[in-house]
Amino acid sequence: MPVYEFQCDQCHTRFEARLPFSRADESVTCPKGHRETRRLFSAPGILFKGSGFYVTDNRKNGAQKDD
């Protein structure tokens, strides 16, 4: 289940909630009891797998160096 970040419109408290995909668009109650909340959007985490993502990795033959 994904974790979504919300912010209360009344007290501006930021909190997280685990919701199934089917309930991702529903309103969630703030920990202080307020019902007027909105979902915040943030950049997703990116995970690079494989070689070639670090300066210390070996490059393929014929590749140009970035200077």
Protein backbone atom coordinates (compact mmCIF):
# COMPACT_ATOMS: atom_id res chain seq x y z
CA MET A 1 0.00 0.00 0.00
CA PRO A 2 1.44 3.39 -0.93
CA VAL A 3 1.99 6.20 1.56
CA TYR A 4 0.48 9.57 0.68
CA GLU A 5 1.27 12.94 2.25
CA PHE A 6 -1.57 15.26 3.24
CA GLN A 7 -1.90 18.75 4.72
CA CYS A 8 -4.78 20.05 6.79
CA ASP A 9 -6.37 23.24 5.42
CA GLN A 10 -7.35 24.47 8.90
CA CYS A 11 -4.32 23.82 11.11
CA HIS A 12 -1.70 23.28 8.32
CA THR A 13 -0.50 20.03 9.90
CA ARG A 14 1.34 17.74 7.49
CA PHE A 15 0.82 14.01 7.93
CA GLU A 16 1.11 10.73 6.06
CA ALA A 17 -1.52 8.07 5.46
CA ARG A 18 -1.31 4.56 3.99
CA LEU A 19 -4.17 4.14 1.57
CA PRO A 20 -4.98 1.54 -1.08
CA PHE A 21 -4.99 2.77 -4.68
CA SER A 22 -8.80 2.63 -4.68
CA ARG A 23 -8.99 5.26 -1.89
CA ALA A 24 -6.13 7.55 -3.00
CA ASP A 25 -8.48 10.36 -4.09
CA GLU A 26 -10.65 10.35 -0.97
CA SER A 27 -10.43 12.94 1.80
CA VAL A 28 -8.58 11.88 4.94
CA THR A 29 -9.12 13.15 8.48
CA CYS A 30 -6.29 15.17 10.03
CA PRO A 31 -4.75 13.77 13.29
CA LYS A 32 -6.34 16.75 15.08
CA GLY A 33 -9.80 15.79 13.76
CA HIS A 34 -10.27 18.22 10.87
CA ARG A 35 -11.88 16.85 7.68
CA GLU A 36 -10.64 19.50 5.21
CA THR A 37 -7.36 18.08 3.95
CA ARG A 38 -5.58 18.02 0.64
CA ARG A 39 -3.11 15.58 -0.81
CA LEU A 40 0.40 16.89 -1.45
CA PHE A 41 2.41 15.80 -4.46
CA SER A 42 6.16 15.29 -4.36
CA ALA A 43 8.83 13.93 -6.67
CA PRO A 44 8.99 10.14 -6.70
CA GLY A 45 12.05 8.33 -5.44
CA ILE A 46 14.25 7.12 -8.28
CA LEU A 47 16.38 4.00 -8.03
CA PHE A 48 19.04 3.50 -10.71
CA LYS A 49 20.10 -0.10 -11.25
CA GLY A 50 22.94 -1.29 -13.41
CA SER A 51 26.36 0.02 -14.27
CA GLY A 52 27.25 3.42 -15.64
CA PHE A 53 25.64 5.68 -13.06
CA TYR A 54 28.75 6.59 -11.09
CA VAL A 55 31.92 8.44 -12.06
CA THR A 56 34.02 5.50 -10.88
CA ASP A 57 32.22 3.00 -13.15
CA ASN A 58 33.95 1.78 -16.26
CA ARG A 59 32.58 3.11 -19.52
CA LYS A 60 32.09 1.13 -22.69
CA ASN A 61 34.79 1.39 -25.32
CA GLY A 62 34.26 4.34 -27.66
CA ALA A 63 32.23 6.42 -25.19
CA GLN A 64 33.24 10.06 -24.93
CA LYS A 65 34.18 11.60 -21.61
CA ASP A 66 31.99 14.47 -20.27
CA ASP A 67 34.28 17.39 -19.47
